[in-house]
Every structure is written in C-alpha cells, then in structure tokens.
C-alpha atoms as a PDB file:
ATOM      1  CA  UNK A   1      24.315   5.529 -14.065  1.00  0.00           C
ATOM      2  CA  UNK A   2      20.964   6.975 -15.119  1.00  0.00           C
ATOM      3  CA  UNK A   3      19.299   3.601 -14.612  1.00  0.00           C
ATOM      4  CA  UNK A   4      20.524   3.418 -11.036  1.00  0.00           C
ATOM      5  CA  UNK A   5      19.502   7.036 -10.305  1.00  0.00           C
ATOM      6  CA  UNK A   6      15.989   6.482 -11.730  1.00  0.00           C
ATOM      7  CA  UNK A   7      15.678   3.219  -9.785  1.00  0.00           C
ATOM      8  CA  UNK A   8      16.715   4.913  -6.572  1.00  0.00           C
ATOM      9  CA  UNK A   9      14.285   7.732  -7.159  1.00  0.00           C
ATOM     10  CA  UNK A  10      11.449   5.317  -8.013  1.00  0.00           C
ATOM     11  CA  UNK A  11      12.117   3.364  -4.812  1.00  0.00           C
ATOM     12  CA  UNK A  12      12.081   6.494  -2.671  1.00  0.00           C
ATOM     13  CA  UNK A  13       8.805   7.669  -4.265  1.00  0.00           C
ATOM     14  CA  UNK A  14       7.193   4.223  -3.805  1.00  0.00           C
ATOM     15  CA  UNK A  15       8.189   4.227  -0.105  1.00  0.00           C
ATOM     16  CA  UNK A  16       6.746   7.752   0.208  1.00  0.00           C
ATOM     17  CA  UNK A  17       3.489   6.543  -1.412  1.00  0.00           C
ATOM     18  CA  UNK A  18       3.475   3.679   1.071  1.00  0.00           C
ATOM     19  CA  UNK A  19       3.791   6.118   3.891  1.00  0.00           C
ATOM     20  CA  UNK A  20       0.658   7.815   2.632  1.00  0.00           C
ATOM     21  CA  UNK A  21      -1.136   4.446   2.720  1.00  0.00           C
ATOM     22  CA  UNK A  22       0.079   3.915   6.313  1.00  0.00           C
ATOM     23  CA  UNK A  23      -1.289   7.339   7.172  1.00  0.00           C
ATOM     24  CA  UNK A  24      -4.691   6.269   5.752  1.00  0.00           C
ATOM     25  CA  UNK A  25      -4.608   3.201   8.005  1.00  0.00           C
ATOM     26  CA  UNK A  26      -3.731   5.394  10.997  1.00  0.00           C
ATOM     27  CA  UNK A  27      -6.594   7.778  10.147  1.00  0.00           C
ATOM     28  CA  UNK A  28      -9.094   4.889   9.996  1.00  0.00           C
ATOM     29  CA  UNK A  29      -7.806   3.713  13.419  1.00  0.00           C
ATOM     30  CA  UNK A  30      -7.777   7.174  14.923  1.00  0.00           C
ATOM     31  CA  UNK A  31     -11.347   7.964  13.743  1.00  0.00           C
ATOM     32  CA  UNK A  32     -12.547   4.441  14.431  1.00  0.00           C
ATOM     33  CA  UNK A  33     -14.302   4.555  11.060  1.00  0.00           C
ATOM     34  CA  UNK A  34     -13.621   3.416   7.513  1.00  0.00           C
ATOM     35  CA  UNK A  35     -16.720   5.123   6.117  1.00  0.00           C
ATOM     36  CA  UNK A  36     -14.795   7.153   3.551  1.00  0.00           C
ATOM     37  CA  UNK A  37     -12.600   4.330   2.332  1.00  0.00           C
ATOM     38  CA  UNK A  38     -13.406   2.195  -0.769  1.00  0.00           C
ATOM     39  CA  UNK A  39     -12.611  -1.417   0.051  1.00  0.00           C
ATOM     40  CA  UNK A  40     -12.656  -2.348  -3.669  1.00  0.00           C
ATOM     41  CA  UNK A  41     -10.030   0.318  -4.464  1.00  0.00           C
ATOM     42  CA  UNK A  42      -7.773  -0.789  -1.625  1.00  0.00           C
ATOM     43  CA  UNK A  43      -8.065  -4.434  -2.673  1.00  0.00           C
ATOM     44  CA  UNK A  44      -7.110  -3.549  -6.246  1.00  0.00           C
ATOM     45  CA  UNK A  45      -4.149  -1.633  -4.947  1.00  0.00           C
ATOM     46  CA  UNK A  46      -3.152  -4.607  -2.790  1.00  0.00           C
ATOM     47  CA  UNK A  47      -3.326  -6.977  -5.737  1.00  0.00           C
ATOM     48  CA  UNK A  48      -1.240  -4.546  -7.795  1.00  0.00           C
ATOM     49  CA  UNK A  49       1.401  -4.194  -5.084  1.00  0.00           C
ATOM     50  CA  UNK A  50       1.555  -7.975  -4.513  1.00  0.00           C
ATOM     51  CA  UNK A  51       1.931  -8.532  -8.270  1.00  0.00           C
ATOM     52  CA  UNK A  52       4.797  -6.061  -8.525  1.00  0.00           C
ATOM     53  CA  UNK A  53       6.400  -7.604  -5.449  1.00  0.00           C
ATOM     54  CA  UNK A  54       6.228 -11.056  -7.074  1.00  0.00           C
ATOM     55  CA  UNK A  55       7.678  -9.573 -10.277  1.00  0.00           C
ATOM     56  CA  UNK A  56      10.531  -7.981  -8.307  1.00  0.00           C
ATOM     57  CA  UNK A  57      11.228 -11.303  -6.602  1.00  0.00           C
ATOM     58  CA  UNK A  58      11.338 -13.111 -10.020  1.00  0.00           C
ATOM     59  CA  UNK A  59      13.719 -10.474 -11.368  1.00  0.00           C
ATOM     60  CA  UNK A  60      15.683 -10.405  -8.108  1.00  0.00           C
ATOM     61  CA  UNK A  61      15.290  -6.598  -8.257  1.00  0.00           C
ATOM     62  CA  UNK A  62      15.982  -5.353  -4.742  1.00  0.00           C
ATOM     63  CA  UNK A  63      14.625  -1.787  -5.210  1.00  0.00           C
ATOM     64  CA  UNK A  64      11.354  -3.195  -6.534  1.00  0.00           C
ATOM     65  CA  UNK A  65      11.155  -5.760  -3.777  1.00  0.00           C
ATOM     66  CA  UNK A  66      11.788  -3.228  -1.052  1.00  0.00           C
ATOM     67  CA  UNK A  67       9.311  -0.664  -2.271  1.00  0.00           C
ATOM     68  CA  UNK A  68       6.542  -3.189  -2.855  1.00  0.00           C
ATOM     69  CA  UNK A  69       7.006  -4.874   0.516  1.00  0.00           C
ATOM     70  CA  UNK A  70       6.167  -1.508   2.059  1.00  0.00           C
ATOM     71  CA  UNK A  71       3.230  -1.036  -0.238  1.00  0.00           C
ATOM     72  CA  UNK A  72       1.836  -4.492   0.302  1.00  0.00           C
ATOM     73  CA  UNK A  73       2.083  -4.157   4.044  1.00  0.00           C
ATOM     74  CA  UNK A  74       0.525  -0.664   3.954  1.00  0.00           C
ATOM     75  CA  UNK A  75      -2.473  -1.680   1.929  1.00  0.00           C
ATOM     76  CA  UNK A  76      -2.921  -4.882   3.994  1.00  0.00           C
ATOM     77  CA  UNK A  77      -3.035  -2.677   7.092  1.00  0.00           C
ATOM     78  CA  UNK A  78      -5.775  -0.561   5.491  1.00  0.00           C
ATOM     79  CA  UNK A  79      -7.810  -3.688   4.705  1.00  0.00           C
ATOM     80  CA  UNK A  80      -7.430  -4.922   8.307  1.00  0.00           C
ATOM     81  CA  UNK A  81      -8.514  -1.465   9.591  1.00  0.00           C
ATOM     82  CA  UNK A  82     -11.451  -1.356   7.120  1.00  0.00           C
ATOM     83  CA  UNK A  83     -12.857  -4.597   8.569  1.00  0.00           C
ATOM     84  CA  UNK A  84     -12.094  -3.580  12.120  1.00  0.00           C
ATOM     85  CA  UNK A  85     -13.987  -0.299  11.696  1.00  0.00           C
ATOM     86  CA  UNK A  86     -16.244  -1.253   8.823  1.00  0.00           C
ATOM     87  CA  UNK A  87     -18.758   1.328   7.656  1.00  0.00           C
ATOM     88  CA  UNK A  88     -22.054   1.512   9.508  1.00  0.00           C
ATOM     89  CA  UNK A  89     -25.094   0.491   7.517  1.00  0.00           C
ATOM     90  CA  UNK A  90     -27.143   3.555   6.748  1.00  0.00           C
ATOM     91  CA  UNK A  91     -30.911   3.432   6.933  1.00  0.00           C
END
C-alpha cells in the first residue's frame, strides 16, 4: 500500500517537474532567446531522464516510464529551442 502511494506521488511530482521544463521551453520560444539557459545543464538533465526511462523500461515500471517520457520530451524541447534561439555572441 505505502509503496503504491509513494510511487503515485513520485509520478505526479515528476510530471509536475516536467511541466516546469515545458514552461522553460515555452519561455525560450516566447522571448525568442535562450540567453539565460545553460545548454550543458539541460543536456545533463536529458541524459539523466533518458537513463531513468531506460531503467523503467527494463524494470517494466509503468510510473517510472510515464514520468520519464514526459521529462525526456520536455528537456528535448528545451534543447531544440536552445538551438533555434541560440544565445547571441557578445562582443
């Protein structure tokens, strides 16, 4: 019972975190600028999300899979937006 409750809570929190990442992608698109976004940080988050997704698939753990699908897509969208609106070179 407690394991299922914690698993559900963790899935919900992970999806909420992913919403925050989608909001970051939207902000980049809206401002037409990725000046304030660290590409290295986002790439590390993407690698982490993809690794957890793979782990969830190996374990056949649906909550882990669902939450990390959202996170992987969200961070990928930030990377796409970063390159689309890459920071201007400062002189």
